[in-house]
Amino acid sequence: MKLVQHLLDRKGTELISIVQDASVFDAIKLMADRGVGSLLVMDGSDLRGIVTERDYARKVIVKGRSSESTEVGEIMSTDLVTATSRQTVSECMTLMTDRRIRHLPIVDDDVVVGLISIGDLVQAIISDQQEEIEQLEQYISG
């Protein structure tokens, strides 16, 4: 099974982040501009939280709050679940499924090295299964 490091090697390790005193409007705009569903909330190199489209929907829109006057720090999730780049795709899939999360910060030795989504994991599992099918077909055909 592939390690998370293999996903990061393919996906890249660019961290798309925002500070906690930025407005939610700026966070949502950054997500839209970059085509992502979450942002790491950073203070320098320190991970403070994560803000997602789901946070926005549940903690701003539904509550009638203003995107421009609400700060990211007011809606971000701080009870973070993280993984390391040495964990397997399968371990992370189980972790994310059990904790009902869609985005997983990757932290090695207290340094944030990436962020993976449930979609990244599904894609990796499908790729592994396709490779296994091709190997079995080659074995069967001779």
C-alpha atoms as a PDB file:
ATOM      1  CA  MET A   1       0.000   0.000   0.000  1.00  0.00           C
ATOM      2  CA  LYS A   2       1.181   3.482  -0.796  1.00  0.00           C
ATOM      3  CA  LEU A   3       2.416   5.865   1.847  1.00  0.00           C
ATOM      4  CA  VAL A   4       1.112   9.397   2.233  1.00  0.00           C
ATOM      5  CA  GLN A   5       4.574  10.563   1.145  1.00  0.00           C
ATOM      6  CA  HIS A   6       3.895   9.044  -2.300  1.00  0.00           C
ATOM      7  CA  LEU A   7       0.713  11.135  -2.551  1.00  0.00           C
ATOM      8  CA  LEU A   8       2.568  14.293  -1.559  1.00  0.00           C
ATOM      9  CA  ASP A   9       5.326  13.548  -4.090  1.00  0.00           C
ATOM     10  CA  ARG A  10       2.707  13.386  -6.844  1.00  0.00           C
ATOM     11  CA  LYS A  11       0.376  16.106  -5.584  1.00  0.00           C
ATOM     12  CA  GLY A  12       3.005  18.513  -4.346  1.00  0.00           C
ATOM     13  CA  THR A  13       3.535  19.988  -0.928  1.00  0.00           C
ATOM     14  CA  GLU A  14       2.399  23.553  -1.490  1.00  0.00           C
ATOM     15  CA  LEU A  15       0.572  24.737   1.599  1.00  0.00           C
ATOM     16  CA  ILE A  16      -2.386  26.996   0.949  1.00  0.00           C
ATOM     17  CA  SER A  17      -2.994  28.810   4.187  1.00  0.00           C
ATOM     18  CA  ILE A  18      -4.477  31.860   5.833  1.00  0.00           C
ATOM     19  CA  VAL A  19      -4.055  33.642   9.169  1.00  0.00           C
ATOM     20  CA  GLN A  20      -6.739  33.473  11.823  1.00  0.00           C
ATOM     21  CA  ASP A  21      -7.442  37.209  11.868  1.00  0.00           C
ATOM     22  CA  ALA A  22      -8.267  37.263   8.139  1.00  0.00           C
ATOM     23  CA  SER A  23     -11.913  37.653   7.212  1.00  0.00           C
ATOM     24  CA  VAL A  24     -13.977  34.622   6.291  1.00  0.00           C
ATOM     25  CA  PHE A  25     -14.703  36.403   3.008  1.00  0.00           C
ATOM     26  CA  ASP A  26     -10.974  36.413   2.203  1.00  0.00           C
ATOM     27  CA  ALA A  27     -10.744  32.722   3.110  1.00  0.00           C
ATOM     28  CA  ILE A  28     -13.658  31.734   0.879  1.00  0.00           C
ATOM     29  CA  LYS A  29     -12.272  33.843  -1.959  1.00  0.00           C
ATOM     30  CA  LEU A  30      -8.855  32.170  -1.610  1.00  0.00           C
ATOM     31  CA  MET A  31     -10.484  28.723  -1.631  1.00  0.00           C
ATOM     32  CA  ALA A  32     -12.433  29.616  -4.770  1.00  0.00           C
ATOM     33  CA  ASP A  33      -9.390  31.118  -6.505  1.00  0.00           C
ATOM     34  CA  ARG A  34      -7.265  28.062  -5.732  1.00  0.00           C
ATOM     35  CA  GLY A  35      -9.980  25.451  -6.284  1.00  0.00           C
ATOM     36  CA  VAL A  36      -9.711  23.928  -2.812  1.00  0.00           C
ATOM     37  CA  GLY A  37     -12.225  23.134  -0.099  1.00  0.00           C
ATOM     38  CA  SER A  38     -10.110  23.968   2.927  1.00  0.00           C
ATOM     39  CA  LEU A  39      -7.274  26.141   4.155  1.00  0.00           C
ATOM     40  CA  LEU A  40      -4.727  25.556   6.855  1.00  0.00           C
ATOM     41  CA  VAL A  41      -4.804  28.316   9.429  1.00  0.00           C
ATOM     42  CA  MET A  42      -1.207  29.155  10.207  1.00  0.00           C
ATOM     43  CA  ASP A  43       0.689  31.497  12.515  1.00  0.00           C
ATOM     44  CA  GLY A  44       4.073  31.558  10.817  1.00  0.00           C
ATOM     45  CA  SER A  45       5.021  27.888  10.649  1.00  0.00           C
ATOM     46  CA  ASP A  46       2.648  26.876  13.466  1.00  0.00           C
ATOM     47  CA  LEU A  47      -0.594  25.117  12.573  1.00  0.00           C
ATOM     48  CA  ARG A  48      -3.467  26.754  14.489  1.00  0.00           C
ATOM     49  CA  GLY A  49      -6.466  25.182  12.794  1.00  0.00           C
ATOM     50  CA  ILE A  50      -8.243  24.414   9.563  1.00  0.00           C
ATOM     51  CA  VAL A  51     -11.141  26.213   7.920  1.00  0.00           C
ATOM     52  CA  THR A  52     -13.375  24.470   5.409  1.00  0.00           C
ATOM     53  CA  GLU A  53     -16.321  25.222   3.185  1.00  0.00           C
ATOM     54  CA  ARG A  54     -18.364  23.208   5.663  1.00  0.00           C
ATOM     55  CA  ASP A  55     -17.284  25.526   8.506  1.00  0.00           C
ATOM     56  CA  TYR A  56     -18.394  28.468   6.382  1.00  0.00           C
ATOM     57  CA  ALA A  57     -21.783  26.944   5.614  1.00  0.00           C
ATOM     58  CA  ARG A  58     -22.519  25.883   9.187  1.00  0.00           C
ATOM     59  CA  LYS A  59     -20.961  28.705  11.187  1.00  0.00           C
ATOM     60  CA  VAL A  60     -21.519  31.735   8.962  1.00  0.00           C
ATOM     61  CA  ILE A  61     -24.278  31.223   6.397  1.00  0.00           C
ATOM     62  CA  VAL A  62     -26.703  29.243   8.546  1.00  0.00           C
ATOM     63  CA  LYS A  63     -26.190  31.600  11.496  1.00  0.00           C
ATOM     64  CA  GLY A  64     -26.670  34.734   9.394  1.00  0.00           C
ATOM     65  CA  ARG A  65     -23.204  36.091  10.137  1.00  0.00           C
ATOM     66  CA  SER A  66     -21.299  38.431   7.836  1.00  0.00           C
ATOM     67  CA  SER A  67     -18.413  36.944   5.849  1.00  0.00           C
ATOM     68  CA  GLU A  68     -16.657  40.298   5.798  1.00  0.00           C
ATOM     69  CA  SER A  69     -16.786  40.953   9.556  1.00  0.00           C
ATOM     70  CA  THR A  70     -16.273  37.387  10.828  1.00  0.00           C
ATOM     71  CA  GLU A  71     -12.671  36.308  11.331  1.00  0.00           C
ATOM     72  CA  VAL A  72     -11.362  32.902  10.322  1.00  0.00           C
ATOM     73  CA  GLY A  73     -10.342  32.282  13.941  1.00  0.00           C
ATOM     74  CA  GLU A  74     -13.995  32.449  14.983  1.00  0.00           C
ATOM     75  CA  ILE A  75     -15.072  29.551  12.770  1.00  0.00           C
ATOM     76  CA  MET A  76     -11.951  27.417  12.245  1.00  0.00           C
ATOM     77  CA  SER A  77     -11.687  23.915  13.641  1.00  0.00           C
ATOM     78  CA  THR A  78      -8.966  23.624  16.262  1.00  0.00           C
ATOM     79  CA  ASP A  79      -9.428  20.036  17.435  1.00  0.00           C
ATOM     80  CA  LEU A  80      -7.218  18.837  14.617  1.00  0.00           C
ATOM     81  CA  VAL A  81      -6.638  15.313  13.462  1.00  0.00           C
ATOM     82  CA  THR A  82      -3.284  14.951  11.711  1.00  0.00           C
ATOM     83  CA  ALA A  83      -1.241  12.205  10.118  1.00  0.00           C
ATOM     84  CA  THR A  84       2.384  11.765   9.101  1.00  0.00           C
ATOM     85  CA  SER A  85       3.833  11.200   5.667  1.00  0.00           C
ATOM     86  CA  ARG A  86       4.955   7.741   6.848  1.00  0.00           C
ATOM     87  CA  GLN A  87       1.396   6.501   7.326  1.00  0.00           C
ATOM     88  CA  THR A  88      -0.322   4.445   4.670  1.00  0.00           C
ATOM     89  CA  VAL A  89      -3.166   5.602   2.480  1.00  0.00           C
ATOM     90  CA  SER A  90      -5.322   2.914   4.074  1.00  0.00           C
ATOM     91  CA  GLU A  91      -4.558   4.130   7.609  1.00  0.00           C
ATOM     92  CA  CYS A  92      -5.480   7.680   6.637  1.00  0.00           C
ATOM     93  CA  MET A  93      -8.678   6.540   4.923  1.00  0.00           C
ATOM     94  CA  THR A  94      -9.716   4.743   8.113  1.00  0.00           C
ATOM     95  CA  LEU A  95      -8.809   7.763  10.250  1.00  0.00           C
ATOM     96  CA  MET A  96     -10.735  10.178   8.065  1.00  0.00           C
ATOM     97  CA  THR A  97     -13.761   7.901   7.810  1.00  0.00           C
ATOM     98  CA  ASP A  98     -13.871   7.253  11.556  1.00  0.00           C
ATOM     99  CA  ARG A  99     -13.501  10.954  12.407  1.00  0.00           C
ATOM    100  CA  ARG A 100     -15.825  12.071   9.574  1.00  0.00           C
ATOM    101  CA  ILE A 101     -13.356  14.579   8.150  1.00  0.00           C
ATOM    102  CA  ARG A 102     -12.521  15.385   4.534  1.00  0.00           C
ATOM    103  CA  HIS A 103      -9.150  17.113   4.913  1.00  0.00           C
ATOM    104  CA  LEU A 104      -6.097  15.864   6.793  1.00  0.00           C
ATOM    105  CA  PRO A 105      -3.021  17.967   7.580  1.00  0.00           C
ATOM    106  CA  ILE A 106       0.219  16.016   7.267  1.00  0.00           C
ATOM    107  CA  VAL A 107       2.713  16.826  10.026  1.00  0.00           C
ATOM    108  CA  ASP A 108       6.215  15.381  10.332  1.00  0.00           C
ATOM    109  CA  ASP A 109       8.283  16.249  13.404  1.00  0.00           C
ATOM    110  CA  ASP A 110       6.002  19.206  14.264  1.00  0.00           C
ATOM    111  CA  VAL A 111       6.321  20.668  10.747  1.00  0.00           C
ATOM    112  CA  VAL A 112       3.312  20.847   8.412  1.00  0.00           C
ATOM    113  CA  VAL A 113       4.416  19.198   5.162  1.00  0.00           C
ATOM    114  CA  GLY A 114       1.124  18.943   3.289  1.00  0.00           C
ATOM    115  CA  LEU A 115      -2.610  18.500   3.244  1.00  0.00           C
ATOM    116  CA  ILE A 116      -4.536  15.619   1.718  1.00  0.00           C
ATOM    117  CA  SER A 117      -8.222  15.223   1.018  1.00  0.00           C
ATOM    118  CA  ILE A 118     -10.485  12.221   1.023  1.00  0.00           C
ATOM    119  CA  GLY A 119     -10.520  12.568  -2.776  1.00  0.00           C
ATOM    120  CA  ASP A 120      -6.725  12.208  -2.878  1.00  0.00           C
ATOM    121  CA  LEU A 121      -7.008   8.973  -0.920  1.00  0.00           C
ATOM    122  CA  VAL A 122      -9.805   7.565  -3.073  1.00  0.00           C
ATOM    123  CA  GLN A 123      -7.793   8.351  -6.201  1.00  0.00           C
ATOM    124  CA  ALA A 124      -4.718   6.598  -4.745  1.00  0.00           C
ATOM    125  CA  ILE A 125      -6.728   3.497  -3.818  1.00  0.00           C
ATOM    126  CA  ILE A 126      -8.291   3.320  -7.288  1.00  0.00           C
ATOM    127  CA  SER A 127      -4.844   3.659  -8.852  1.00  0.00           C
ATOM    128  CA  ASP A 128      -3.469   0.841  -6.666  1.00  0.00           C
ATOM    129  CA  GLN A 129      -6.401  -1.389  -7.564  1.00  0.00           C
ATOM    130  CA  GLN A 130      -5.968  -0.679 -11.282  1.00  0.00           C
ATOM    131  CA  GLU A 131      -2.276  -1.609 -11.061  1.00  0.00           C
ATOM    132  CA  GLU A 132      -3.174  -4.840  -9.265  1.00  0.00           C
ATOM    133  CA  ILE A 133      -5.792  -5.712 -11.896  1.00  0.00           C
ATOM    134  CA  GLU A 134      -3.269  -5.128 -14.693  1.00  0.00           C
ATOM    135  CA  GLN A 135      -0.703  -7.336 -12.947  1.00  0.00           C
ATOM    136  CA  LEU A 136      -3.265 -10.099 -12.484  1.00  0.00           C
ATOM    137  CA  GLU A 137      -4.312  -9.854 -16.126  1.00  0.00           C
ATOM    138  CA  GLN A 138      -0.683 -10.161 -17.223  1.00  0.00           C
ATOM    139  CA  TYR A 139      -0.189 -13.142 -14.915  1.00  0.00           C
ATOM    140  CA  ILE A 140      -3.299 -14.883 -16.234  1.00  0.00           C
ATOM    141  CA  SER A 141      -2.486 -14.248 -19.871  1.00  0.00           C
ATOM    142  CA  GLY A 142       0.923 -15.622 -19.547  1.00  0.00           C
END
